[in-house]
PDB file of N, CA and C in Angstrom:
ATOM      1  N   MET A   1       0.845  -1.185   0.000  1.00  0.00           N
ATOM      2  CA  MET A   1       0.000   0.000   0.000  1.00  0.00           C
ATOM      3  C   MET A   1       0.886   1.243   0.000  1.00  0.00           C
ATOM      4  N   SER A   2       0.385   2.335  -0.523  1.00  0.00           N
ATOM      5  CA  SER A   2       1.160   3.561  -0.653  1.00  0.00           C
ATOM      6  C   SER A   2       1.529   4.162   0.702  1.00  0.00           C
ATOM      7  N   TYR A   3       2.346   5.182   0.667  1.00  0.00           N
ATOM      8  CA  TYR A   3       2.763   5.935   1.853  1.00  0.00           C
ATOM      9  C   TYR A   3       2.574   7.408   1.538  1.00  0.00           C
ATOM     10  N   ILE A   4       2.106   8.191   2.523  1.00  0.00           N
ATOM     11  CA  ILE A   4       1.752   9.584   2.289  1.00  0.00           C
ATOM     12  C   ILE A   4       2.538  10.499   3.215  1.00  0.00           C
ATOM     13  N   ASP A   5       3.119  11.544   2.656  1.00  0.00           N
ATOM     14  CA  ASP A   5       3.653  12.654   3.443  1.00  0.00           C
ATOM     15  C   ASP A   5       2.632  13.774   3.351  1.00  0.00           C
ATOM     16  N   GLY A   6       2.144  14.261   4.493  1.00  0.00           N
ATOM     17  CA  GLY A   6       1.141  15.313   4.505  1.00  0.00           C
ATOM     18  C   GLY A   6       1.690  16.599   5.093  1.00  0.00           C
ATOM     19  N   PHE A   7       1.179  17.724   4.595  1.00  0.00           N
ATOM     20  CA  PHE A   7       1.651  19.050   5.003  1.00  0.00           C
ATOM     21  C   PHE A   7       0.463  20.006   5.128  1.00  0.00           C
ATOM     22  N   VAL A   8       0.497  20.859   6.137  1.00  0.00           N
ATOM     23  CA  VAL A   8      -0.469  21.945   6.268  1.00  0.00           C
ATOM     24  C   VAL A   8       0.334  23.190   6.593  1.00  0.00           C
ATOM     25  N   MET A   9       0.037  24.283   5.881  1.00  0.00           N
ATOM     26  CA  MET A   9       0.774  25.524   6.095  1.00  0.00           C
ATOM     27  C   MET A   9      -0.140  26.724   5.890  1.00  0.00           C
ATOM     28  N   ALA A  10       0.278  27.857   6.427  1.00  0.00           N
ATOM     29  CA  ALA A  10      -0.428  29.121   6.221  1.00  0.00           C
ATOM     30  C   ALA A  10       0.398  29.948   5.249  1.00  0.00           C
ATOM     31  N   VAL A  11      -0.198  30.282   4.114  1.00  0.00           N
ATOM     32  CA  VAL A  11       0.504  31.035   3.076  1.00  0.00           C
ATOM     33  C   VAL A  11      -0.156  32.410   2.955  1.00  0.00           C
ATOM     34  N   PRO A  12       0.625  33.493   2.974  1.00  0.00           N
ATOM     35  CA  PRO A  12       0.009  34.796   2.741  1.00  0.00           C
ATOM     36  C   PRO A  12      -0.809  34.749   1.450  1.00  0.00           C
ATOM     37  N   THR A  13      -2.057  35.154   1.539  1.00  0.00           N
ATOM     38  CA  THR A  13      -2.955  35.089   0.385  1.00  0.00           C
ATOM     39  C   THR A  13      -2.372  35.831  -0.805  1.00  0.00           C
ATOM     40  N   ALA A  14      -1.672  36.919  -0.547  1.00  0.00           N
ATOM     41  CA  ALA A  14      -1.046  37.700  -1.622  1.00  0.00           C
ATOM     42  C   ALA A  14       0.071  36.927  -2.322  1.00  0.00           C
ATOM     43  N   ASN A  15       0.556  35.853  -1.702  1.00  0.00           N
ATOM     44  CA  ASN A  15       1.659  35.056  -2.269  1.00  0.00           C
ATOM     45  C   ASN A  15       1.175  33.817  -3.024  1.00  0.00           C
ATOM     46  N   LYS A  16      -0.092  33.765  -3.396  1.00  0.00           N
ATOM     47  CA  LYS A  16      -0.618  32.565  -4.039  1.00  0.00           C
ATOM     48  C   LYS A  16       0.183  32.208  -5.294  1.00  0.00           C
ATOM     49  N   GLN A  17       0.423  33.156  -6.168  1.00  0.00           N
ATOM     50  CA  GLN A  17       1.172  32.858  -7.408  1.00  0.00           C
ATOM     51  C   GLN A  17       2.601  32.449  -7.091  1.00  0.00           C
ATOM     52  N   GLN A  18       3.223  33.101  -6.112  1.00  0.00           N
ATOM     53  CA  GLN A  18       4.572  32.717  -5.693  1.00  0.00           C
ATOM     54  C   GLN A  18       4.580  31.275  -5.186  1.00  0.00           C
ATOM     55  N   PHE A  19       3.537  30.912  -4.409  1.00  0.00           N
ATOM     56  CA  PHE A  19       3.437  29.557  -3.882  1.00  0.00           C
ATOM     57  C   PHE A  19       3.319  28.550  -5.027  1.00  0.00           C
ATOM     58  N   ILE A  20       2.479  28.863  -5.995  1.00  0.00           N
ATOM     59  CA  ILE A  20       2.296  27.966  -7.141  1.00  0.00           C
ATOM     60  C   ILE A  20       3.609  27.808  -7.907  1.00  0.00           C
ATOM     61  N   GLN A  21       4.327  28.903  -8.115  1.00  0.00           N
ATOM     62  CA  GLN A  21       5.622  28.823  -8.805  1.00  0.00           C
ATOM     63  C   GLN A  21       6.616  27.996  -7.990  1.00  0.00           C
ATOM     64  N   HIS A  22       6.635  28.224  -6.679  1.00  0.00           N
ATOM     65  CA  HIS A  22       7.522  27.468  -5.786  1.00  0.00           C
ATOM     66  C   HIS A  22       7.222  25.968  -5.889  1.00  0.00           C
ATOM     67  N   ALA A  23       5.934  25.619  -5.838  1.00  0.00           N
ATOM     68  CA  ALA A  23       5.529  24.210  -5.925  1.00  0.00           C
ATOM     69  C   ALA A  23       5.870  23.631  -7.290  1.00  0.00           C
ATOM     70  N   ASN A  24       5.595  24.382  -8.355  1.00  0.00           N
ATOM     71  CA  ASN A  24       5.896  23.883  -9.700  1.00  0.00           C
ATOM     72  C   ASN A  24       7.375  23.627  -9.895  1.00  0.00           C
ATOM     73  N   SER A  25       8.220  24.404  -9.264  1.00  0.00           N
ATOM     74  CA  SER A  25       9.654  24.197  -9.451  1.00  0.00           C
ATOM     75  C   SER A  25      10.207  23.115  -8.522  1.00  0.00           C
ATOM     76  N   GLY A  26       9.532  22.818  -7.420  1.00  0.00           N
ATOM     77  CA  GLY A  26      10.064  21.848  -6.476  1.00  0.00           C
ATOM     78  C   GLY A  26       9.394  20.496  -6.465  1.00  0.00           C
ATOM     79  N   ASP A  27       8.095  20.443  -6.758  1.00  0.00           N
ATOM     80  CA  ASP A  27       7.361  19.184  -6.618  1.00  0.00           C
ATOM     81  C   ASP A  27       7.839  18.095  -7.571  1.00  0.00           C
ATOM     82  N   SER A  28       8.304  18.489  -8.735  1.00  0.00           N
ATOM     83  CA  SER A  28       8.782  17.484  -9.696  1.00  0.00           C
ATOM     84  C   SER A  28      10.010  16.737  -9.175  1.00  0.00           C
ATOM     85  N   VAL A  29      10.733  17.336  -8.245  1.00  0.00           N
ATOM     86  CA  VAL A  29      11.895  16.672  -7.652  1.00  0.00           C
ATOM     87  C   VAL A  29      11.434  15.402  -6.918  1.00  0.00           C
ATOM     88  N   PHE A  30      10.326  15.500  -6.181  1.00  0.00           N
ATOM     89  CA  PHE A  30       9.819  14.335  -5.458  1.00  0.00           C
ATOM     90  C   PHE A  30       9.383  13.232  -6.421  1.00  0.00           C
ATOM     91  N   VAL A  31       8.753  13.625  -7.517  1.00  0.00           N
ATOM     92  CA  VAL A  31       8.334  12.645  -8.521  1.00  0.00           C
ATOM     93  C   VAL A  31       9.565  11.991  -9.148  1.00  0.00           C
ATOM     94  N   GLU A  32      10.574  12.784  -9.412  1.00  0.00           N
ATOM     95  CA  GLU A  32      11.813  12.248  -9.975  1.00  0.00           C
ATOM     96  C   GLU A  32      12.429  11.184  -9.068  1.00  0.00           C
ATOM     97  N   TYR A  33      12.253  11.350  -7.748  1.00  0.00           N
ATOM     98  CA  TYR A  33      12.827  10.410  -6.790  1.00  0.00           C
ATOM     99  C   TYR A  33      11.847   9.337  -6.325  1.00  0.00           C
ATOM    100  N   GLY A  34      10.731   9.168  -7.056  1.00  0.00           N
ATOM    101  CA  GLY A  34       9.869   8.023  -6.798  1.00  0.00           C
ATOM    102  C   GLY A  34       8.446   8.299  -6.375  1.00  0.00           C
ATOM    103  N   ALA A  35       8.095   9.546  -6.050  1.00  0.00           N
ATOM    104  CA  ALA A  35       6.709   9.836  -5.675  1.00  0.00           C
ATOM    105  C   ALA A  35       5.797   9.591  -6.873  1.00  0.00           C
ATOM    106  N   THR A  36       4.596   9.093  -6.619  1.00  0.00           N
ATOM    107  CA  THR A  36       3.660   8.849  -7.710  1.00  0.00           C
ATOM    108  C   THR A  36       2.859  10.101  -8.047  1.00  0.00           C
ATOM    109  N   ARG A  37       2.669  10.994  -7.067  1.00  0.00           N
ATOM    110  CA  ARG A  37       2.006  12.267  -7.333  1.00  0.00           C
ATOM    111  C   ARG A  37       2.185  13.203  -6.150  1.00  0.00           C
ATOM    112  N   VAL A  38       2.020  14.494  -6.438  1.00  0.00           N
ATOM    113  CA  VAL A  38       2.073  15.536  -5.421  1.00  0.00           C
ATOM    114  C   VAL A  38       0.863  16.436  -5.656  1.00  0.00           C
ATOM    115  N   LEU A  39       0.129  16.730  -4.595  1.00  0.00           N
ATOM    116  CA  LEU A  39      -1.011  17.640  -4.701  1.00  0.00           C
ATOM    117  C   LEU A  39      -0.803  18.816  -3.763  1.00  0.00           C
ATOM    118  N   GLU A  40      -1.045  20.011  -4.281  1.00  0.00           N
ATOM    119  CA  GLU A  40      -0.993  21.248  -3.510  1.00  0.00           C
ATOM    120  C   GLU A  40      -2.402  21.819  -3.563  1.00  0.00           C
ATOM    121  N   CYS A  41      -3.061  21.959  -2.427  1.00  0.00           N
ATOM    122  CA  CYS A  41      -4.468  22.355  -2.386  1.00  0.00           C
ATOM    123  C   CYS A  41      -4.634  23.671  -1.629  1.00  0.00           C
ATOM    124  N   TRP A  42      -5.115  24.694  -2.330  1.00  0.00           N
ATOM    125  CA  TRP A  42      -5.332  26.016  -1.766  1.00  0.00           C
ATOM    126  C   TRP A  42      -6.659  26.020  -1.016  1.00  0.00           C
ATOM    127  N   GLY A  43      -6.660  26.460   0.236  1.00  0.00           N
ATOM    128  CA  GLY A  43      -7.860  26.454   1.061  1.00  0.00           C
ATOM    129  C   GLY A  43      -9.024  27.184   0.406  1.00  0.00           C
ATOM    130  N   ASP A  44     -10.169  26.522   0.366  1.00  0.00           N
ATOM    131  CA  ASP A  44     -11.367  27.073  -0.261  1.00  0.00           C
ATOM    132  C   ASP A  44     -12.547  27.063   0.707  1.00  0.00           C
ATOM    133  N   ASP A  45     -12.670  26.009   1.479  1.00  0.00           N
ATOM    134  CA  ASP A  45     -13.765  25.862   2.433  1.00  0.00           C
ATOM    135  C   ASP A  45     -13.167  25.290   3.712  1.00  0.00           C
ATOM    136  N   VAL A  46     -12.482  26.139   4.464  1.00  0.00           N
ATOM    137  CA  VAL A  46     -11.751  25.719   5.663  1.00  0.00           C
ATOM    138  C   VAL A  46     -12.360  26.443   6.861  1.00  0.00           C
ATOM    139  N   PRO A  47     -13.371  25.822   7.482  1.00  0.00           N
ATOM    140  CA  PRO A  47     -14.098  26.508   8.551  1.00  0.00           C
ATOM    141  C   PRO A  47     -13.294  26.622   9.846  1.00  0.00           C
ATOM    142  N   ASP A  48     -13.659  27.625  10.633  1.00  0.00           N
ATOM    143  CA  ASP A  48     -13.122  27.743  11.987  1.00  0.00           C
ATOM    144  C   ASP A  48     -13.826  26.723  12.860  1.00  0.00           C
ATOM    145  N   GLY A  49     -13.082  26.061  13.717  1.00  0.00           N
ATOM    146  CA  GLY A  49     -13.668  25.084  14.627  1.00  0.00           C
ATOM    147  C   GLY A  49     -13.916  25.690  15.998  1.00  0.00           C
ATOM    148  N   LYS A  50     -14.545  24.909  16.859  1.00  0.00           N
ATOM    149  CA  LYS A  50     -14.802  25.382  18.221  1.00  0.00           C
ATOM    150  C   LYS A  50     -13.634  25.070  19.154  1.00  0.00           C
ATOM    151  N   LEU A  51     -12.961  23.950  18.938  1.00  0.00           N
ATOM    152  CA  LEU A  51     -11.821  23.584  19.777  1.00  0.00           C
ATOM    153  C   LEU A  51     -10.500  23.631  19.025  1.00  0.00           C
ATOM    154  N   THR A  52     -10.519  23.156  17.791  1.00  0.00           N
ATOM    155  CA  THR A  52      -9.305  23.142  16.986  1.00  0.00           C
ATOM    156  C   THR A  52      -9.701  23.190  15.517  1.00  0.00           C
ATOM    157  N   ASP A  53      -8.777  23.571  14.668  1.00  0.00           N
ATOM    158  CA  ASP A  53      -9.018  23.622  13.231  1.00  0.00           C
ATOM    159  C   ASP A  53      -7.687  23.814  12.516  1.00  0.00           C
ATOM    160  N   PHE A  54      -7.742  23.809  11.204  1.00  0.00           N
ATOM    161  CA  PHE A  54      -6.522  23.992  10.412  1.00  0.00           C
ATOM    162  C   PHE A  54      -5.892  25.356  10.664  1.00  0.00           C
ATOM    163  N   HIS A  55      -6.709  26.398  10.798  1.00  0.00           N
ATOM    164  CA  HIS A  55      -6.180  27.750  11.020  1.00  0.00           C
ATOM    165  C   HIS A  55      -5.339  27.805  12.294  1.00  0.00           C
ATOM    166  N   ARG A  56      -5.880  27.260  13.380  1.00  0.00           N
ATOM    167  CA  ARG A  56      -5.165  27.266  14.658  1.00  0.00           C
ATOM    168  C   ARG A  56      -3.909  26.396  14.590  1.00  0.00           C
ATOM    169  N   ALA A  57      -4.006  25.287  13.891  1.00  0.00           N
ATOM    170  CA  ALA A  57      -2.876  24.354  13.827  1.00  0.00           C
ATOM    171  C   ALA A  57      -1.620  25.015  13.269  1.00  0.00           C
ATOM    172  N   VAL A  58      -1.803  25.942  12.333  1.00  0.00           N
ATOM    173  CA  VAL A  58      -0.649  26.608  11.715  1.00  0.00           C
ATOM    174  C   VAL A  58      -0.590  28.099  12.055  1.00  0.00           C
ATOM    175  N   GLN A  59      -1.393  28.512  13.036  1.00  0.00           N
ATOM    176  CA  GLN A  59      -1.433  29.901  13.488  1.00  0.00           C
ATOM    177  C   GLN A  59      -1.644  30.865  12.324  1.00  0.00           C
ATOM    178  N   ALA A  60      -2.607  30.517  11.449  1.00  0.00           N
ATOM    179  CA  ALA A  60      -2.891  31.348  10.276  1.00  0.00           C
ATOM    180  C   ALA A  60      -3.425  32.706  10.707  1.00  0.00           C
ATOM    181  N   LYS A  61      -2.945  33.732  10.018  1.00  0.00           N
ATOM    182  CA  LYS A  61      -3.390  35.106  10.261  1.00  0.00           C
ATOM    183  C   LYS A  61      -4.523  35.430   9.290  1.00  0.00           C
ATOM    184  N   ASN A  62      -5.197  36.540   9.516  1.00  0.00           N
ATOM    185  CA  ASN A  62      -6.342  36.924   8.680  1.00  0.00           C
ATOM    186  C   ASN A  62      -5.988  37.077   7.207  1.00  0.00           C
ATOM    187  N   ASP A  63      -4.745  37.436   6.924  1.00  0.00           N
ATOM    188  CA  ASP A  63      -4.339  37.636   5.527  1.00  0.00           C
ATOM    189  C   ASP A  63      -3.630  36.415   4.940  1.00  0.00           C
ATOM    190  N   GLU A  64      -3.846  35.243   5.549  1.00  0.00           N
ATOM    191  CA  GLU A  64      -3.223  34.010   5.086  1.00  0.00           C
ATOM    192  C   GLU A  64      -4.288  32.975   4.736  1.00  0.00           C
ATOM    193  N   THR A  65      -3.936  32.094   3.817  1.00  0.00           N
ATOM    194  CA  THR A  65      -4.803  30.996   3.404  1.00  0.00           C
ATOM    195  C   THR A  65      -4.152  29.682   3.825  1.00  0.00           C
ATOM    196  N   VAL A  66      -4.949  28.765   4.328  1.00  0.00           N
ATOM    197  CA  VAL A  66      -4.436  27.452   4.712  1.00  0.00           C
ATOM    198  C   VAL A  66      -4.269  26.606   3.450  1.00  0.00           C
ATOM    199  N   VAL A  67      -3.117  25.968   3.336  1.00  0.00           N
ATOM    200  CA  VAL A  67      -2.804  25.093   2.211  1.00  0.00           C
ATOM    201  C   VAL A  67      -2.578  23.690   2.756  1.00  0.00           C
ATOM    202  N   PHE A  68      -3.186  22.714   2.094  1.00  0.00           N
ATOM    203  CA  PHE A  68      -3.071  21.307   2.467  1.00  0.00           C
ATOM    204  C   PHE A  68      -2.424  20.588   1.293  1.00  0.00           C
ATOM    205  N   SER A  69      -1.319  19.916   1.543  1.00  0.00           N
ATOM    206  CA  SER A  69      -0.577  19.266   0.466  1.00  0.00           C
ATOM    207  C   SER A  69      -0.189  17.857   0.878  1.00  0.00           C
ATOM    208  N   TRP A  70       0.025  17.024  -0.129  1.00  0.00           N
ATOM    209  CA  TRP A  70       0.557  15.707   0.179  1.00  0.00           C
ATOM    210  C   TRP A  70       1.362  15.163  -0.981  1.00  0.00           C
ATOM    211  N   ILE A  71       2.261  14.269  -0.599  1.00  0.00           N
ATOM    212  CA  ILE A  71       3.083  13.539  -1.561  1.00  0.00           C
ATOM    213  C   ILE A  71       2.719  12.070  -1.400  1.00  0.00           C
ATOM    214  N   GLU A  72       2.362  11.433  -2.486  1.00  0.00           N
ATOM    215  CA  GLU A  72       2.038  10.011  -2.444  1.00  0.00           C
ATOM    216  C   GLU A  72       3.214   9.222  -3.001  1.00  0.00           C
ATOM    217  N   TRP A  73       3.623   8.229  -2.259  1.00  0.00           N
ATOM    218  CA  TRP A  73       4.729   7.344  -2.637  1.00  0.00           C
ATOM    219  C   TRP A  73       4.182   5.933  -2.802  1.00  0.00           C
ATOM    220  N   PRO A  74       4.824   5.084  -3.601  1.00  0.00           N
ATOM    221  CA  PRO A  74       4.329   3.715  -3.758  1.00  0.00           C
ATOM    222  C   PRO A  74       4.429   2.889  -2.482  1.00  0.00           C
ATOM    223  N   ASP A  75       5.413   3.209  -1.608  1.00  0.00           N
ATOM    224  CA  ASP A  75       5.603   2.493  -0.349  1.00  0.00           C
ATOM    225  C   ASP A  75       6.567   3.297   0.518  1.00  0.00           C
ATOM    226  N   LYS A  76       6.696   2.915   1.783  1.00  0.00           N
ATOM    227  CA  LYS A  76       7.542   3.664   2.714  1.00  0.00           C
ATOM    228  C   LYS A  76       9.023   3.579   2.341  1.00  0.00           C
ATOM    229  N   ALA A  77       9.475   2.449   1.858  1.00  0.00           N
ATOM    230  CA  ALA A  77      10.888   2.317   1.492  1.00  0.00           C
ATOM    231  C   ALA A  77      11.250   3.297   0.382  1.00  0.00           C
ATOM    232  N   THR A  78      10.380   3.415  -0.629  1.00  0.00           N
ATOM    233  CA  THR A  78      10.618   4.372  -1.716  1.00  0.00           C
ATOM    234  C   THR A  78      10.597   5.791  -1.168  1.00  0.00           C
ATOM    235  N   ARG A  79       9.670   6.061  -0.253  1.00  0.00           N
ATOM    236  CA  ARG A  79       9.590   7.390   0.366  1.00  0.00           C
ATOM    237  C   ARG A  79      10.870   7.707   1.129  1.00  0.00           C
ATOM    238  N   ASP A  80      11.349   6.770   1.948  1.00  0.00           N
ATOM    239  CA  ASP A  80      12.534   7.036   2.757  1.00  0.00           C
ATOM    240  C   ASP A  80      13.739   7.354   1.877  1.00  0.00           C
ATOM    241  N   THR A  81      13.940   6.565   0.842  1.00  0.00           N
ATOM    242  CA  THR A  81      15.053   6.783  -0.078  1.00  0.00           C
ATOM    243  C   THR A  81      14.844   8.064  -0.877  1.00  0.00           C
ATOM    244  N   GLY A  82      13.636   8.237  -1.420  1.00  0.00           N
ATOM    245  CA  GLY A  82      13.339   9.405  -2.244  1.00  0.00           C
ATOM    246  C   GLY A  82      13.402  10.708  -1.472  1.00  0.00           C
ATOM    247  N   MET A  83      12.867  10.726  -0.277  1.00  0.00           N
ATOM    248  CA  MET A  83      12.877  11.941   0.537  1.00  0.00           C
ATOM    249  C   MET A  83      14.301  12.308   0.935  1.00  0.00           C
ATOM    250  N   GLN A  84      15.104  11.309   1.256  1.00  0.00           N
ATOM    251  CA  GLN A  84      16.502  11.561   1.605  1.00  0.00           C
ATOM    252  C   GLN A  84      17.236  12.220   0.424  1.00  0.00           C
ATOM    253  N   LYS A  85      17.033  11.706  -0.774  1.00  0.00           N
ATOM    254  CA  LYS A  85      17.656  12.278  -1.969  1.00  0.00           C
ATOM    255  C   LYS A  85      17.114  13.680  -2.245  1.00  0.00           C
ATOM    256  N   ALA A  86      15.800  13.852  -2.109  1.00  0.00           N
ATOM    257  CA  ALA A  86      15.181  15.150  -2.390  1.00  0.00           C
ATOM    258  C   ALA A  86      15.706  16.224  -1.451  1.00  0.00           C
ATOM    259  N   MET A  87      15.890  15.897  -0.183  1.00  0.00           N
ATOM    260  CA  MET A  87      16.355  16.892   0.781  1.00  0.00           C
ATOM    261  C   MET A  87      17.794  17.328   0.516  1.00  0.00           C
ATOM    262  N   LYS A  88      18.534  16.526  -0.234  1.00  0.00           N
ATOM    263  CA  LYS A  88      19.910  16.879  -0.606  1.00  0.00           C
ATOM    264  C   LYS A  88      19.980  17.539  -1.981  1.00  0.00           C
ATOM    265  N   ASP A  89      18.884  17.559  -2.703  1.00  0.00           N
ATOM    266  CA  ASP A  89      18.859  18.079  -4.067  1.00  0.00           C
ATOM    267  C   ASP A  89      18.937  19.606  -4.056  1.00  0.00           C
ATOM    268  N   GLU A  90      19.850  20.146  -4.822  1.00  0.00           N
ATOM    269  CA  GLU A  90      20.067  21.603  -4.882  1.00  0.00           C
ATOM    270  C   GLU A  90      18.832  22.374  -5.352  1.00  0.00           C
ATOM    271  N   ARG A  91      17.949  21.725  -6.109  1.00  0.00           N
ATOM    272  CA  ARG A  91      16.748  22.410  -6.586  1.00  0.00           C
ATOM    273  C   ARG A  91      15.790  22.752  -5.456  1.00  0.00           C
ATOM    274  N   LEU A  92      15.951  22.114  -4.308  1.00  0.00           N
ATOM    275  CA  LEU A  92      15.113  22.417  -3.153  1.00  0.00           C
ATOM    276  C   LEU A  92      15.850  23.285  -2.128  1.00  0.00           C
ATOM    277  N   ASN A  93      16.998  23.775  -2.491  1.00  0.00           N
ATOM    278  CA  ASN A  93      17.775  24.647  -1.627  1.00  0.00           C
ATOM    279  C   ASN A  93      16.968  25.908  -1.310  1.00  0.00           C
ATOM    280  N   PRO A  94      16.741  26.217  -0.027  1.00  0.00           N
ATOM    281  CA  PRO A  94      15.926  27.385   0.331  1.00  0.00           C
ATOM    282  C   PRO A  94      16.481  28.719  -0.184  1.00  0.00           C
ATOM    283  N   GLN A  95      17.780  28.798  -0.419  1.00  0.00           N
ATOM    284  CA  GLN A  95      18.345  30.031  -0.965  1.00  0.00           C
ATOM    285  C   GLN A  95      17.953  30.215  -2.434  1.00  0.00           C
ATOM    286  N   ASP A  96      17.846  29.112  -3.169  1.00  0.00           N
ATOM    287  CA  ASP A  96      17.492  29.181  -4.592  1.00  0.00           C
ATOM    288  C   ASP A  96      15.987  29.123  -4.831  1.00  0.00           C
ATOM    289  N   ASN A  97      15.257  28.465  -3.940  1.00  0.00           N
ATOM    290  CA  ASN A  97      13.813  28.302  -4.083  1.00  0.00           C
ATOM    291  C   ASN A  97      13.164  28.570  -2.719  1.00  0.00           C
ATOM    292  N   PRO A  98      13.187  29.857  -2.273  1.00  0.00           N
ATOM    293  CA  PRO A  98      12.676  30.158  -0.924  1.00  0.00           C
ATOM    294  C   PRO A  98      11.178  29.903  -0.797  1.00  0.00           C
ATOM    295  N   MET A  99      10.789  29.439   0.387  1.00  0.00           N
ATOM    296  CA  MET A  99       9.372  29.199   0.651  1.00  0.00           C
ATOM    297  C   MET A  99       8.656  30.546   0.785  1.00  0.00           C
ATOM    298  N   PRO A 100       7.543  30.741   0.098  1.00  0.00           N
ATOM    299  CA  PRO A 100       6.807  32.006   0.188  1.00  0.00           C
ATOM    300  C   PRO A 100       5.831  32.013   1.376  1.00  0.00           C
ATOM    301  N   PHE A 101       6.245  31.409   2.475  1.00  0.00           N
ATOM    302  CA  PHE A 101       5.437  31.337   3.695  1.00  0.00           C
ATOM    303  C   PHE A 101       6.376  31.048   4.851  1.00  0.00           C
ATOM    304  N   ASP A 102       5.871  31.140   6.067  1.00  0.00           N
ATOM    305  CA  ASP A 102       6.657  30.886   7.268  1.00  0.00           C
ATOM    306  C   ASP A 102       6.732  29.377   7.517  1.00  0.00           C
ATOM    307  N   GLY A 103       7.845  28.783   7.146  1.00  0.00           N
ATOM    308  CA  GLY A 103       8.029  27.343   7.284  1.00  0.00           C
ATOM    309  C   GLY A 103       8.013  26.854   8.726  1.00  0.00           C
ATOM    310  N   LYS A 104       8.237  27.745   9.690  1.00  0.00           N
ATOM    311  CA  LYS A 104       8.220  27.340  11.099  1.00  0.00           C
ATOM    312  C   LYS A 104       6.817  26.964  11.565  1.00  0.00           C
ATOM    313  N   ARG A 105       5.791  27.447  10.838  1.00  0.00           N
ATOM    314  CA  ARG A 105       4.417  27.137  11.212  1.00  0.00           C
ATOM    315  C   ARG A 105       3.820  26.013  10.368  1.00  0.00           C
ATOM    316  N   MET A 106       4.616  25.429   9.494  1.00  0.00           N
ATOM    317  CA  MET A 106       4.143  24.302   8.690  1.00  0.00           C
ATOM    318  C   MET A 106       4.142  23.046   9.569  1.00  0.00           C
ATOM    319  N   ILE A 107       3.083  22.247   9.451  1.00  0.00           N
ATOM    320  CA  ILE A 107       3.077  20.960  10.138  1.00  0.00           C
ATOM    321  C   ILE A 107       3.136  19.871   9.071  1.00  0.00           C
ATOM    322  N   PHE A 108       3.796  18.774   9.405  1.00  0.00           N
ATOM    323  CA  PHE A 108       3.973  17.707   8.413  1.00  0.00           C
ATOM    324  C   PHE A 108       4.187  16.387   9.120  1.00  0.00           C
ATOM    325  N   GLY A 109       3.997  15.325   8.382  1.00  0.00           N
ATOM    326  CA  GLY A 109       4.241  14.001   8.918  1.00  0.00           C
ATOM    327  C   GLY A 109       4.054  12.944   7.854  1.00  0.00           C
ATOM    328  N   GLY A 110       4.540  11.746   8.137  1.00  0.00           N
ATOM    329  CA  GLY A 110       4.389  10.599   7.251  1.00  0.00           C
ATOM    330  C   GLY A 110       3.278   9.705   7.759  1.00  0.00           C
ATOM    331  N   PHE A 111       2.486   9.171   6.821  1.00  0.00           N
ATOM    332  CA  PHE A 111       1.302   8.403   7.184  1.00  0.00           C
ATOM    333  C   PHE A 111       1.202   7.108   6.383  1.00  0.00           C
ATOM    334  N   ALA A 112       0.912   6.026   7.093  1.00  0.00           N
ATOM    335  CA  ALA A 112       0.688   4.736   6.460  1.00  0.00           C
ATOM    336  C   ALA A 112      -0.821   4.535   6.319  1.00  0.00           C
ATOM    337  N   PRO A 113      -1.344   4.473   5.101  1.00  0.00           N
ATOM    338  CA  PRO A 113      -2.784   4.260   4.922  1.00  0.00           C
ATOM    339  C   PRO A 113      -3.234   2.953   5.557  1.00  0.00           C
ATOM    340  N   VAL A 114      -4.426   2.989   6.136  1.00  0.00           N
ATOM    341  CA  VAL A 114      -4.990   1.776   6.734  1.00  0.00           C
ATOM    342  C   VAL A 114      -6.290   1.360   6.036  1.00  0.00           C
ATOM    343  N   VAL A 115      -6.896   2.291   5.275  1.00  0.00           N
ATOM    344  CA  VAL A 115      -8.095   2.001   4.504  1.00  0.00           C
ATOM    345  C   VAL A 115      -7.981   2.752   3.191  1.00  0.00           C
ATOM    346  N   GLU A 116      -8.306   2.083   2.106  1.00  0.00           N
ATOM    347  CA  GLU A 116      -8.339   2.727   0.791  1.00  0.00           C
ATOM    348  C   GLU A 116      -9.608   2.259   0.101  1.00  0.00           C
ATOM    349  N   VAL A 117     -10.454   3.219  -0.257  1.00  0.00           N
ATOM    350  CA  VAL A 117     -11.724   2.927  -0.906  1.00  0.00           C
ATOM    351  C   VAL A 117     -11.722   3.608  -2.266  1.00  0.00           C
ATOM    352  N   GLY A 118     -12.235   2.936  -3.262  1.00  0.00           N
ATOM    353  CA  GLY A 118     -12.303   3.539  -4.579  1.00  0.00           C
ATOM    354  C   GLY A 118     -11.366   2.845  -5.536  1.00  0.00           C
ATOM    355  N   GLN A 119     -11.501   3.214  -6.766  1.00  0.00           N
ATOM    356  CA  GLN A 119     -10.724   2.600  -7.817  1.00  0.00           C
ATOM    357  C   GLN A 119      -9.401   3.339  -7.964  1.00  0.00           C
ATOM    358  N   LYS A 120      -8.324   2.609  -7.925  1.00  0.00           N
ATOM    359  CA  LYS A 120      -6.995   3.187  -8.087  1.00  0.00           C
ATOM    360  C   LYS A 120      -6.759   3.462  -9.565  1.00  0.00           C
ATOM    361  N   LYS A 121      -6.307   4.677  -9.871  1.00  0.00           N
ATOM    362  CA  LYS A 121      -6.005   5.038 -11.264  1.00  0.00           C
ATOM    363  C   LYS A 121      -4.708   4.385 -11.681  1.00  0.00           C
ATOM    364  N   THR A 122      -4.644   3.961 -12.927  1.00  0.00           N
ATOM    365  CA  THR A 122      -3.411   3.354 -13.427  1.00  0.00           C
ATOM    366  C   THR A 122      -2.786   4.207 -14.488  1.00  0.00           C
TER     367      THR A 122
END
């Protein structure tokens, strides 16, 4: 079964195009190292919760949009090898491809799927 790296971040709404350019220049690196796909999702319907929510999780400000992204890998072994290579790749160097958001407030983690419903695309 696949392996997923998930990310949630607060991006200044004014930086949407910068974020898209940043993702377009960096996401292909993960695919090159074995990821099957990368999705970058701009917040569209992200409600405030009563106890917790995406906004609070990343300390989003009024002028920021919550972004939810993930990298899908065929398995954890491919992810471990691919992520290690990607983190050393000069194309992801923060000096050459700076993040258009506060990376200190980004949350991320690796996830092993336990249920998959639906038809897998080939």
